[in-house]
Full PDB file with SEQRES, HELIX, SHEET, SSBOND, CRYST1, ORIGX, SCALE, CONECT and MASTER records, all heavy atoms in Angstrom:
SEQRES   1 A   42  LEU GLU ARG ALA GLY VAL SER VAL ARG VAL LEU GLU ALA          
SEQRES   2 A   42  ARG GLY ARG LEU GLY GLY ARG VAL TRP THR SER ARG ALA          
SEQRES   3 A   42  LEU GLY GLY ILE PRO LEU ASP LEU GLY ALA SER TRP ILE          
SEQRES   4 A   42  HIS GLY ASP                                                  
SHEET    1 AA1 2 THR A  23  LEU A  27  0                                        
SHEET    2 AA1 2 ILE A  30  ASP A  33 -1                                        
CRYST1    1.000    1.000    1.000  90.00  90.00  90.00 P 1           1          
ORIGX1      1.000000  0.000000  0.000000        0.00000                         
ORIGX2      0.000000  1.000000  0.000000        0.00000                         
ORIGX3      0.000000  0.000000  1.000000        0.00000                         
SCALE1      1.000000  0.000000  0.000000        0.00000                         
SCALE2      0.000000  1.000000  0.000000        0.00000                         
SCALE3      0.000000  0.000000  1.000000        0.00000                         
ATOM      1  N   LEU A   1      20.966  10.066  -9.763  1.00  0.00           N  
ATOM      2  CA  LEU A   1      22.178   9.777 -10.519  1.00  0.00           C  
ATOM      3  C   LEU A   1      21.908   8.761 -11.629  1.00  0.00           C  
ATOM      4  O   LEU A   1      22.400   8.904 -12.758  1.00  0.00           O  
ATOM      5  CB  LEU A   1      23.262   9.254  -9.573  1.00  0.00           C  
ATOM      6  CG  LEU A   1      23.893  10.303  -8.655  1.00  0.00           C  
ATOM      7  CD1 LEU A   1      24.672   9.618  -7.547  1.00  0.00           C  
ATOM      8  CD2 LEU A   1      24.788  11.242  -9.435  1.00  0.00           C  
ATOM      9  N   GLU A   2      21.132   7.725 -11.338  1.00  0.00           N  
ATOM     10  CA  GLU A   2      20.808   6.730 -12.356  1.00  0.00           C  
ATOM     11  C   GLU A   2      20.078   7.377 -13.533  1.00  0.00           C  
ATOM     12  O   GLU A   2      20.365   7.082 -14.695  1.00  0.00           O  
ATOM     13  CB  GLU A   2      19.939   5.616 -11.746  1.00  0.00           C  
ATOM     14  CG  GLU A   2      20.695   4.633 -10.872  1.00  0.00           C  
ATOM     15  CD  GLU A   2      21.490   3.619 -11.691  1.00  0.00           C  
ATOM     16  OE1 GLU A   2      21.302   3.565 -12.927  1.00  0.00           O  
ATOM     17  OE2 GLU A   2      22.294   2.885 -11.091  1.00  0.00           O  
ATOM     18  N   ARG A   3      19.139   8.269 -13.234  1.00  0.00           N  
ATOM     19  CA  ARG A   3      18.405   8.929 -14.315  1.00  0.00           C  
ATOM     20  C   ARG A   3      19.314   9.836 -15.130  1.00  0.00           C  
ATOM     21  O   ARG A   3      19.024  10.130 -16.294  1.00  0.00           O  
ATOM     22  CB  ARG A   3      17.225   9.711 -13.746  1.00  0.00           C  
ATOM     23  CG  ARG A   3      16.090   8.834 -13.240  1.00  0.00           C  
ATOM     24  CD  ARG A   3      14.839   9.634 -12.972  1.00  0.00           C  
ATOM     25  NE  ARG A   3      15.008  10.541 -11.863  1.00  0.00           N  
ATOM     26  CZ  ARG A   3      14.748  10.233 -10.595  1.00  0.00           C  
ATOM     27  NH1 ARG A   3      14.315   9.018 -10.281  1.00  0.00           N  
ATOM     28  NH2 ARG A   3      14.918  11.123  -9.635  1.00  0.00           N  
ATOM     29  N   ALA A   4      20.425  10.288 -14.518  1.00  0.00           N  
ATOM     30  CA  ALA A   4      21.390  11.122 -15.236  1.00  0.00           C  
ATOM     31  C   ALA A   4      22.415  10.287 -15.996  1.00  0.00           C  
ATOM     32  O   ALA A   4      23.342  10.832 -16.595  1.00  0.00           O  
ATOM     33  CB  ALA A   4      22.101  12.051 -14.253  1.00  0.00           C  
ATOM     34  N   GLY A   5      22.270   8.962 -15.956  1.00  0.00           N  
ATOM     35  CA  GLY A   5      23.165   8.109 -16.703  1.00  0.00           C  
ATOM     36  C   GLY A   5      24.383   7.642 -15.951  1.00  0.00           C  
ATOM     37  O   GLY A   5      25.339   7.148 -16.559  1.00  0.00           O  
ATOM     38  N   VAL A   6      24.380   7.781 -14.643  1.00  0.00           N  
ATOM     39  CA  VAL A   6      25.516   7.373 -13.827  1.00  0.00           C  
ATOM     40  C   VAL A   6      25.249   5.981 -13.257  1.00  0.00           C  
ATOM     41  O   VAL A   6      24.145   5.685 -12.799  1.00  0.00           O  
ATOM     42  CB  VAL A   6      25.748   8.386 -12.683  1.00  0.00           C  
ATOM     43  CG1 VAL A   6      26.939   7.966 -11.838  1.00  0.00           C  
ATOM     44  CG2 VAL A   6      25.949   9.783 -13.240  1.00  0.00           C  
ATOM     45  N   SER A   7      26.257   5.137 -13.253  1.00  0.00           N  
ATOM     46  CA  SER A   7      26.136   3.806 -12.667  1.00  0.00           C  
ATOM     47  C   SER A   7      26.340   3.896 -11.164  1.00  0.00           C  
ATOM     48  O   SER A   7      27.378   4.359 -10.695  1.00  0.00           O  
ATOM     49  CB  SER A   7      27.181   2.873 -13.282  1.00  0.00           C  
ATOM     50  OG  SER A   7      27.129   1.601 -12.660  1.00  0.00           O  
ATOM     51  N   VAL A   8      25.338   3.465 -10.394  1.00  0.00           N  
ATOM     52  CA  VAL A   8      25.350   3.643  -8.942  1.00  0.00           C  
ATOM     53  C   VAL A   8      25.207   2.294  -8.250  1.00  0.00           C  
ATOM     54  O   VAL A   8      24.409   1.450  -8.657  1.00  0.00           O  
ATOM     55  CB  VAL A   8      24.207   4.576  -8.480  1.00  0.00           C  
ATOM     56  CG1 VAL A   8      24.273   4.786  -6.973  1.00  0.00           C  
ATOM     57  CG2 VAL A   8      24.267   5.912  -9.200  1.00  0.00           C  
ATOM     58  N   ARG A   9      25.962   2.122  -7.198  1.00  0.00           N  
ATOM     59  CA  ARG A   9      25.784   0.985  -6.297  1.00  0.00           C  
ATOM     60  C   ARG A   9      25.502   1.545  -4.899  1.00  0.00           C  
ATOM     61  O   ARG A   9      26.228   2.415  -4.422  1.00  0.00           O  
ATOM     62  CB  ARG A   9      27.023   0.098  -6.261  1.00  0.00           C  
ATOM     63  CG  ARG A   9      26.945  -1.019  -5.216  1.00  0.00           C  
ATOM     64  CD  ARG A   9      28.096  -1.987  -5.351  1.00  0.00           C  
ATOM     65  NE  ARG A   9      28.023  -2.660  -6.662  1.00  0.00           N  
ATOM     66  CZ  ARG A   9      28.985  -3.455  -7.125  1.00  0.00           C  
ATOM     67  NH1 ARG A   9      30.089  -3.649  -6.429  1.00  0.00           N  
ATOM     68  NH2 ARG A   9      28.838  -4.044  -8.291  1.00  0.00           N  
ATOM     69  N   VAL A  10      24.453   1.041  -4.263  1.00  0.00           N  
ATOM     70  CA  VAL A  10      24.092   1.471  -2.918  1.00  0.00           C  
ATOM     71  C   VAL A  10      24.474   0.375  -1.932  1.00  0.00           C  
ATOM     72  O   VAL A  10      24.116  -0.792  -2.119  1.00  0.00           O  
ATOM     73  CB  VAL A  10      22.581   1.773  -2.814  1.00  0.00           C  
ATOM     74  CG1 VAL A  10      22.227   2.230  -1.397  1.00  0.00           C  
ATOM     75  CG2 VAL A  10      22.170   2.834  -3.826  1.00  0.00           C  
ATOM     76  N   LEU A  11      25.199   0.739  -0.891  1.00  0.00           N  
ATOM     77  CA  LEU A  11      25.611  -0.195   0.152  1.00  0.00           C  
ATOM     78  C   LEU A  11      24.836   0.108   1.435  1.00  0.00           C  
ATOM     79  O   LEU A  11      24.899   1.222   1.945  1.00  0.00           O  
ATOM     80  CB  LEU A  11      27.112  -0.084   0.410  1.00  0.00           C  
ATOM     81  CG  LEU A  11      28.024  -0.235  -0.815  1.00  0.00           C  
ATOM     82  CD1 LEU A  11      29.484  -0.095  -0.400  1.00  0.00           C  
ATOM     83  CD2 LEU A  11      27.783  -1.562  -1.513  1.00  0.00           C  
ATOM     84  N   GLU A  12      24.120  -0.874   1.930  1.00  0.00           N  
ATOM     85  CA  GLU A  12      23.263  -0.704   3.111  1.00  0.00           C  
ATOM     86  C   GLU A  12      23.598  -1.753   4.160  1.00  0.00           C  
ATOM     87  O   GLU A  12      23.594  -2.954   3.878  1.00  0.00           O  
ATOM     88  CB  GLU A  12      21.789  -0.810   2.712  1.00  0.00           C  
ATOM     89  CG  GLU A  12      20.814  -0.922   3.871  1.00  0.00           C  
ATOM     90  CD  GLU A  12      20.914   0.227   4.859  1.00  0.00           C  
ATOM     91  OE1 GLU A  12      20.895   1.394   4.422  1.00  0.00           O  
ATOM     92  OE2 GLU A  12      21.017  -0.055   6.079  1.00  0.00           O  
ATOM     93  N   ALA A  13      23.881  -1.310   5.379  1.00  0.00           N  
ATOM     94  CA  ALA A  13      24.258  -2.225   6.449  1.00  0.00           C  
ATOM     95  C   ALA A  13      23.094  -3.098   6.908  1.00  0.00           C  
ATOM     96  O   ALA A  13      23.281  -4.271   7.264  1.00  0.00           O  
ATOM     97  CB  ALA A  13      24.823  -1.442   7.630  1.00  0.00           C  
ATOM     98  N   ARG A  14      21.899  -2.536   6.911  1.00  0.00           N  
ATOM     99  CA  ARG A  14      20.742  -3.310   7.360  1.00  0.00           C  
ATOM    100  C   ARG A  14      20.322  -4.324   6.294  1.00  0.00           C  
ATOM    101  O   ARG A  14      20.769  -4.278   5.155  1.00  0.00           O  
ATOM    102  CB  ARG A  14      19.556  -2.380   7.648  1.00  0.00           C  
ATOM    103  CG  ARG A  14      19.734  -1.447   8.843  1.00  0.00           C  
ATOM    104  CD  ARG A  14      18.431  -0.688   9.053  1.00  0.00           C  
ATOM    105  NE  ARG A  14      18.458   0.145  10.239  1.00  0.00           N  
ATOM    106  CZ  ARG A  14      18.711   1.454  10.229  1.00  0.00           C  
ATOM    107  NH1 ARG A  14      18.985   2.067   9.085  1.00  0.00           N  
ATOM    108  NH2 ARG A  14      18.686   2.154  11.339  1.00  0.00           N  
ATOM    109  N   GLY A  15      19.382  -5.157   6.689  1.00  0.00           N  
ATOM    110  CA  GLY A  15      18.833  -6.129   5.756  1.00  0.00           C  
ATOM    111  C   GLY A  15      17.579  -5.645   5.074  1.00  0.00           C  
ATOM    112  O   GLY A  15      16.806  -6.453   4.535  1.00  0.00           O  
ATOM    113  N   ARG A  16      17.334  -4.358   5.078  1.00  0.00           N  
ATOM    114  CA  ARG A  16      16.132  -3.794   4.460  1.00  0.00           C  
ATOM    115  C   ARG A  16      16.439  -2.404   3.931  1.00  0.00           C  
ATOM    116  O   ARG A  16      17.432  -1.767   4.314  1.00  0.00           O  
ATOM    117  CB  ARG A  16      14.989  -3.708   5.485  1.00  0.00           C  
ATOM    118  CG  ARG A  16      15.315  -2.823   6.668  1.00  0.00           C  
ATOM    119  CD  ARG A  16      14.124  -2.598   7.588  1.00  0.00           C  
ATOM    120  NE  ARG A  16      14.494  -1.778   8.733  1.00  0.00           N  
ATOM    121  CZ  ARG A  16      14.559  -0.446   8.708  1.00  0.00           C  
ATOM    122  NH1 ARG A  16      14.280   0.215   7.597  1.00  0.00           N  
ATOM    123  NH2 ARG A  16      14.903   0.223   9.797  1.00  0.00           N  
ATOM    124  N   LEU A  17      15.553  -1.902   3.080  1.00  0.00           N  
ATOM    125  CA  LEU A  17      15.638  -0.532   2.596  1.00  0.00           C  
ATOM    126  C   LEU A  17      14.913   0.411   3.564  1.00  0.00           C  
ATOM    127  O   LEU A  17      14.121  -0.020   4.395  1.00  0.00           O  
ATOM    128  CB  LEU A  17      14.973  -0.418   1.216  1.00  0.00           C  
ATOM    129  CG  LEU A  17      15.494  -1.315   0.099  1.00  0.00           C  
ATOM    130  CD1 LEU A  17      14.674  -1.077  -1.167  1.00  0.00           C  
ATOM    131  CD2 LEU A  17      16.969  -1.054  -0.165  1.00  0.00           C  
ATOM    132  N   GLY A  18      15.176   1.696   3.436  1.00  0.00           N  
ATOM    133  CA  GLY A  18      14.332   2.694   4.088  1.00  0.00           C  
ATOM    134  C   GLY A  18      14.940   3.468   5.224  1.00  0.00           C  
ATOM    135  O   GLY A  18      14.487   4.566   5.532  1.00  0.00           O  
ATOM    136  N   GLY A  19      15.950   2.911   5.914  1.00  0.00           N  
ATOM    137  CA  GLY A  19      16.519   3.649   7.044  1.00  0.00           C  
ATOM    138  C   GLY A  19      15.463   3.927   8.098  1.00  0.00           C  
ATOM    139  O   GLY A  19      14.837   3.005   8.636  1.00  0.00           O  
ATOM    140  N   ARG A  20      15.218   5.213   8.361  1.00  0.00           N  
ATOM    141  CA  ARG A  20      14.228   5.581   9.386  1.00  0.00           C  
ATOM    142  C   ARG A  20      12.798   5.367   8.926  1.00  0.00           C  
ATOM    143  O   ARG A  20      11.866   5.473   9.730  1.00  0.00           O  
ATOM    144  CB  ARG A  20      14.440   7.040   9.801  1.00  0.00           C  
ATOM    145  CG  ARG A  20      15.708   7.253  10.607  1.00  0.00           C  
ATOM    146  CD  ARG A  20      15.919   8.713  10.930  1.00  0.00           C  
ATOM    147  NE  ARG A  20      16.189   9.473   9.725  1.00  0.00           N  
ATOM    148  CZ  ARG A  20      16.264  10.798   9.681  1.00  0.00           C  
ATOM    149  NH1 ARG A  20      16.045  11.497  10.780  1.00  0.00           N  
ATOM    150  NH2 ARG A  20      16.532  11.420   8.570  1.00  0.00           N  
ATOM    151  N   VAL A  21      12.604   5.097   7.649  1.00  0.00           N  
ATOM    152  CA  VAL A  21      11.280   4.716   7.148  1.00  0.00           C  
ATOM    153  C   VAL A  21      11.198   3.190   7.208  1.00  0.00           C  
ATOM    154  O   VAL A  21      11.896   2.492   6.484  1.00  0.00           O  
ATOM    155  CB  VAL A  21      11.060   5.203   5.708  1.00  0.00           C  
ATOM    156  CG1 VAL A  21       9.682   4.765   5.209  1.00  0.00           C  
ATOM    157  CG2 VAL A  21      11.203   6.723   5.633  1.00  0.00           C  
ATOM    158  N   TRP A  22      10.370   2.672   8.093  1.00  0.00           N  
ATOM    159  CA  TRP A  22      10.326   1.228   8.321  1.00  0.00           C  
ATOM    160  C   TRP A  22       8.882   0.799   8.558  1.00  0.00           C  
ATOM    161  O   TRP A  22       8.325   1.004   9.630  1.00  0.00           O  
ATOM    162  CB  TRP A  22      11.195   0.854   9.528  1.00  0.00           C  
ATOM    163  CG  TRP A  22      11.235  -0.610   9.829  1.00  0.00           C  
ATOM    164  CD1 TRP A  22      10.815  -1.642   9.033  1.00  0.00           C  
ATOM    165  CD2 TRP A  22      11.711  -1.223  11.034  1.00  0.00           C  
ATOM    166  NE1 TRP A  22      11.010  -2.852   9.655  1.00  0.00           N  
ATOM    167  CE2 TRP A  22      11.557  -2.620  10.874  1.00  0.00           C  
ATOM    168  CE3 TRP A  22      12.268  -0.724  12.210  1.00  0.00           C  
ATOM    169  CZ2 TRP A  22      11.928  -3.512  11.873  1.00  0.00           C  
ATOM    170  CZ3 TRP A  22      12.633  -1.620  13.192  1.00  0.00           C  
ATOM    171  CH2 TRP A  22      12.473  -2.997  13.021  1.00  0.00           C  
ATOM    172  N   THR A  23       8.285   0.224   7.544  1.00  0.00           N  
ATOM    173  CA  THR A  23       6.945  -0.327   7.672  1.00  0.00           C  
ATOM    174  C   THR A  23       7.054  -1.819   7.934  1.00  0.00           C  
ATOM    175  O   THR A  23       7.463  -2.582   7.064  1.00  0.00           O  
ATOM    176  CB  THR A  23       6.107  -0.075   6.401  1.00  0.00           C  
ATOM    177  OG1 THR A  23       6.025   1.328   6.159  1.00  0.00           O  
ATOM    178  CG2 THR A  23       4.699  -0.627   6.579  1.00  0.00           C  
ATOM    179  N   SER A  24       6.703  -2.232   9.135  1.00  0.00           N  
ATOM    180  CA  SER A  24       6.749  -3.642   9.518  1.00  0.00           C  
ATOM    181  C   SER A  24       5.396  -4.293   9.234  1.00  0.00           C  
ATOM    182  O   SER A  24       4.347  -3.676   9.404  1.00  0.00           O  
ATOM    183  CB  SER A  24       7.073  -3.775  11.002  1.00  0.00           C  
ATOM    184  OG  SER A  24       6.907  -5.122  11.427  1.00  0.00           O  
ATOM    185  N   ARG A  25       5.443  -5.551   8.796  1.00  0.00           N  
ATOM    186  CA  ARG A  25       4.222  -6.340   8.598  1.00  0.00           C  
ATOM    187  C   ARG A  25       4.258  -7.604   9.465  1.00  0.00           C  
ATOM    188  O   ARG A  25       3.601  -8.602   9.153  1.00  0.00           O  
ATOM    189  CB  ARG A  25       4.044  -6.687   7.124  1.00  0.00           C  
ATOM    190  CG  ARG A  25       3.855  -5.456   6.248  1.00  0.00           C  
ATOM    191  CD  ARG A  25       3.635  -5.793   4.790  1.00  0.00           C  
ATOM    192  NE  ARG A  25       3.468  -4.580   4.009  1.00  0.00           N  
ATOM    193  CZ  ARG A  25       2.325  -3.943   3.813  1.00  0.00           C  
ATOM    194  NH1 ARG A  25       1.213  -4.444   4.351  1.00  0.00           N  
ATOM    195  NH2 ARG A  25       2.261  -2.843   3.102  1.00  0.00           N  
ATOM    196  N   ALA A  26       5.030  -7.524  10.548  1.00  0.00           N  
ATOM    197  CA  ALA A  26       5.181  -8.686  11.423  1.00  0.00           C  
ATOM    198  C   ALA A  26       3.911  -8.993  12.207  1.00  0.00           C  
ATOM    199  O   ALA A  26       3.743 -10.112  12.696  1.00  0.00           O  
ATOM    200  CB  ALA A  26       6.345  -8.455  12.390  1.00  0.00           C  
ATOM    201  N   LEU A  27       3.017  -8.021  12.330  1.00  0.00           N  
ATOM    202  CA  LEU A  27       1.791  -8.208  13.104  1.00  0.00           C  
ATOM    203  C   LEU A  27       0.678  -8.673  12.180  1.00  0.00           C  
ATOM    204  O   LEU A  27      -0.189  -7.898  11.762  1.00  0.00           O  
ATOM    205  CB  LEU A  27       1.399  -6.902  13.805  1.00  0.00           C  
ATOM    206  CG  LEU A  27       0.270  -6.983  14.836  1.00  0.00           C  
ATOM    207  CD1 LEU A  27       0.673  -7.869  16.008  1.00  0.00           C  
ATOM    208  CD2 LEU A  27      -0.081  -5.584  15.331  1.00  0.00           C  
ATOM    209  N   GLY A  28       0.736  -9.946  11.802  1.00  0.00           N  
ATOM    210  CA  GLY A  28      -0.315 -10.515  10.969  1.00  0.00           C  
ATOM    211  C   GLY A  28      -0.437  -9.866   9.606  1.00  0.00           C  
ATOM    212  O   GLY A  28      -1.535  -9.855   9.021  1.00  0.00           O  
ATOM    213  N   GLY A  29       0.657  -9.305   9.093  1.00  0.00           N  
ATOM    214  CA  GLY A  29       0.626  -8.682   7.782  1.00  0.00           C  
ATOM    215  C   GLY A  29       0.100  -7.269   7.777  1.00  0.00           C  
ATOM    216  O   GLY A  29       0.051  -6.622   6.719  1.00  0.00           O  
ATOM    217  N   ILE A  30      -0.295  -6.763   8.949  1.00  0.00           N  
ATOM    218  CA  ILE A  30      -0.823  -5.394   9.030  1.00  0.00           C  
ATOM    219  C   ILE A  30       0.338  -4.410   8.916  1.00  0.00           C  
ATOM    220  O   ILE A  30       1.328  -4.525   9.635  1.00  0.00           O  
ATOM    221  CB  ILE A  30      -1.563  -5.167  10.364  1.00  0.00           C  
ATOM    222  CG1 ILE A  30      -2.740  -6.136  10.480  1.00  0.00           C  
ATOM    223  CG2 ILE A  30      -2.025  -3.726  10.499  1.00  0.00           C  
ATOM    224  CD1 ILE A  30      -3.374  -6.145  11.854  1.00  0.00           C  
ATOM    225  N   PRO A  31       0.261  -3.418   8.013  1.00  0.00           N  
ATOM    226  CA  PRO A  31       1.352  -2.442   7.901  1.00  0.00           C  
ATOM    227  C   PRO A  31       1.417  -1.532   9.127  1.00  0.00           C  
ATOM    228  O   PRO A  31       0.440  -0.872   9.481  1.00  0.00           O  
ATOM    229  CB  PRO A  31       1.000  -1.644   6.639  1.00  0.00           C  
ATOM    230  CG  PRO A  31      -0.473  -1.812   6.468  1.00  0.00           C  
ATOM    231  CD  PRO A  31      -0.810  -3.169   7.020  1.00  0.00           C  
ATOM    232  N   LEU A  32       2.560  -1.543   9.789  1.00  0.00           N  
ATOM    233  CA  LEU A  32       2.749  -0.739  10.994  1.00  0.00           C  
ATOM    234  C   LEU A  32       4.049   0.051  10.847  1.00  0.00           C  
ATOM    235  O   LEU A  32       5.126  -0.539  10.735  1.00  0.00           O  
ATOM    236  CB  LEU A  32       2.817  -1.637  12.232  1.00  0.00           C  
ATOM    237  CG  LEU A  32       3.112  -0.942  13.564  1.00  0.00           C  
ATOM    238  CD1 LEU A  32       2.001   0.029  13.925  1.00  0.00           C  
ATOM    239  CD2 LEU A  32       3.309  -1.973  14.671  1.00  0.00           C  
ATOM    240  N   ASP A  33       3.944   1.374  10.825  1.00  0.00           N  
ATOM    241  CA  ASP A  33       5.128   2.216  10.674  1.00  0.00           C  
ATOM    242  C   ASP A  33       5.849   2.335  12.007  1.00  0.00           C  
ATOM    243  O   ASP A  33       5.327   2.918  12.958  1.00  0.00           O  
ATOM    244  CB  ASP A  33       4.741   3.603  10.150  1.00  0.00           C  
ATOM    245  CG  ASP A  33       4.510   3.602   8.652  1.00  0.00           C  
ATOM    246  OD1 ASP A  33       5.256   2.897   7.951  1.00  0.00           O  
ATOM    247  OD2 ASP A  33       3.590   4.295   8.171  1.00  0.00           O  
ATOM    248  N   LEU A  34       7.073   1.808  12.069  1.00  0.00           N  
ATOM    249  CA  LEU A  34       7.900   1.891  13.269  1.00  0.00           C  
ATOM    250  C   LEU A  34       8.877   3.062  13.198  1.00  0.00           C  
ATOM    251  O   LEU A  34       9.616   3.303  14.146  1.00  0.00           O  
ATOM    252  CB  LEU A  34       8.666   0.576  13.460  1.00  0.00           C  
ATOM    253  CG  LEU A  34       7.796  -0.677  13.600  1.00  0.00           C  
ATOM    254  CD1 LEU A  34       8.678  -1.901  13.790  1.00  0.00           C  
ATOM    255  CD2 LEU A  34       6.820  -0.529  14.759  1.00  0.00           C  
ATOM    256  N   GLY A  35       8.901   3.754  12.088  1.00  0.00           N  
ATOM    257  CA  GLY A  35       9.752   4.933  11.925  1.00  0.00           C  
ATOM    258  C   GLY A  35       8.906   6.089  11.447  1.00  0.00           C  
ATOM    259  O   GLY A  35       7.869   6.395  12.017  1.00  0.00           O  
ATOM    260  N   ALA A  36       9.346   6.732  10.370  1.00  0.00           N  
ATOM    261  CA  ALA A  36       8.581   7.846   9.801  1.00  0.00           C  
ATOM    262  C   ALA A  36       7.179   7.372   9.432  1.00  0.00           C  
ATOM    263  O   ALA A  36       6.999   6.263   8.928  1.00  0.00           O  
ATOM    264  CB  ALA A  36       9.298   8.384   8.560  1.00  0.00           C  
ATOM    265  N   SER A  37       6.179   8.209   9.690  1.00  0.00           N  
ATOM    266  CA  SER A  37       4.807   7.802   9.396  1.00  0.00           C  
ATOM    267  C   SER A  37       3.928   8.943   8.889  1.00  0.00           C  
ATOM    268  O   SER A  37       2.791   8.700   8.510  1.00  0.00           O  
ATOM    269  CB  SER A  37       4.161   7.184  10.644  1.00  0.00           C  
ATOM    270  OG  SER A  37       4.222   8.077  11.738  1.00  0.00           O  
ATOM    271  N   TRP A  38       4.439  10.166   8.874  1.00  0.00           N  
ATOM    272  CA  TRP A  38       3.606  11.327   8.566  1.00  0.00           C  
ATOM    273  C   TRP A  38       4.051  12.032   7.288  1.00  0.00           C  
ATOM    274  O   TRP A  38       5.232  12.073   6.970  1.00  0.00           O  
ATOM    275  CB  TRP A  38       3.703  12.374   9.670  1.00  0.00           C  
ATOM    276  CG  TRP A  38       3.242  11.942  11.011  1.00  0.00           C  
ATOM    277  CD1 TRP A  38       3.920  11.169  11.914  1.00  0.00           C  
ATOM    278  CD2 TRP A  38       2.004  12.268  11.629  1.00  0.00           C  
ATOM    279  NE1 TRP A  38       3.171  11.004  13.052  1.00  0.00           N  
ATOM    280  CE2 TRP A  38       1.998  11.661  12.910  1.00  0.00           C  
ATOM    281  CE3 TRP A  38       0.896  13.022  11.231  1.00  0.00           C  
ATOM    282  CZ2 TRP A  38       0.924  11.787  13.782  1.00  0.00           C  
ATOM    283  CZ3 TRP A  38      -0.165  13.142  12.105  1.00  0.00           C  
ATOM    284  CH2 TRP A  38      -0.150  12.521  13.360  1.00  0.00           C  
ATOM    285  N   ILE A  39       3.099  12.632   6.603  1.00  0.00           N  
ATOM    286  CA  ILE A  39       3.370  13.768   5.723  1.00  0.00           C  
ATOM    287  C   ILE A  39       2.945  14.991   6.523  1.00  0.00           C  
ATOM    288  O   ILE A  39       1.757  15.188   6.783  1.00  0.00           O  
ATOM    289  CB  ILE A  39       2.572  13.703   4.408  1.00  0.00           C  
ATOM    290  CG1 ILE A  39       2.961  12.481   3.599  1.00  0.00           C  
ATOM    291  CG2 ILE A  39       2.799  14.980   3.600  1.00  0.00           C  
ATOM    292  CD1 ILE A  39       2.139  12.309   2.339  1.00  0.00           C  
ATOM    293  N   HIS A  40       3.910  15.784   6.945  1.00  0.00           N  
ATOM    294  CA  HIS A  40       3.579  16.979   7.724  1.00  0.00           C  
ATOM    295  C   HIS A  40       3.290  18.130   6.771  1.00  0.00           C  
ATOM    296  O   HIS A  40       4.170  18.870   6.355  1.00  0.00           O  
ATOM    297  CB  HIS A  40       4.730  17.341   8.663  1.00  0.00           C  
ATOM    298  CG  HIS A  40       4.781  16.498   9.901  1.00  0.00           C  
ATOM    299  ND1 HIS A  40       3.771  16.488  10.833  1.00  0.00           N  
ATOM    300  CD2 HIS A  40       5.705  15.608  10.342  1.00  0.00           C  
ATOM    301  CE1 HIS A  40       4.075  15.651  11.805  1.00  0.00           C  
ATOM    302  NE2 HIS A  40       5.234  15.100  11.531  1.00  0.00           N  
ATOM    303  N   GLY A  41       2.024  18.274   6.420  1.00  0.00           N  
ATOM    304  CA  GLY A  41       1.598  19.315   5.494  1.00  0.00           C  
ATOM    305  C   GLY A  41       1.632  18.799   4.069  1.00  0.00           C  
ATOM    306  O   GLY A  41       2.683  18.433   3.559  1.00  0.00           O  
ATOM    307  N   ASP A  42       0.457  18.747   3.419  1.00  0.00           N  
ATOM    308  CA  ASP A  42       0.414  18.215   2.055  1.00  0.00           C  
ATOM    309  C   ASP A  42       0.586  19.297   1.002  1.00  0.00           C  
ATOM    310  O   ASP A  42       0.431  19.048  -0.193  1.00  0.00           O  
ATOM    311  CB  ASP A  42      -0.880  17.428   1.820  1.00  0.00           C  
ATOM    312  CG  ASP A  42      -2.137  18.248   2.090  1.00  0.00           C  
ATOM    313  OD1 ASP A  42      -2.030  19.484   2.282  1.00  0.00           O  
ATOM    314  OD2 ASP A  42      -3.235  17.651   2.108  1.00  0.00           O  
TER     315      ASP A  42                                                      
MASTER        0    0    0    0    2    0    0    6  314    1    0    4          
END                                                                             
């Protein structure tokens, strides 16, 4: 929508982006996917 020239506001209940995509770095900065993690078929 933004690329089409529409003004958009996104409202998110969590304190982060991504929803089911969640890369945590709480383990010493190591990226750990706690949600989606695969490309199933490239």
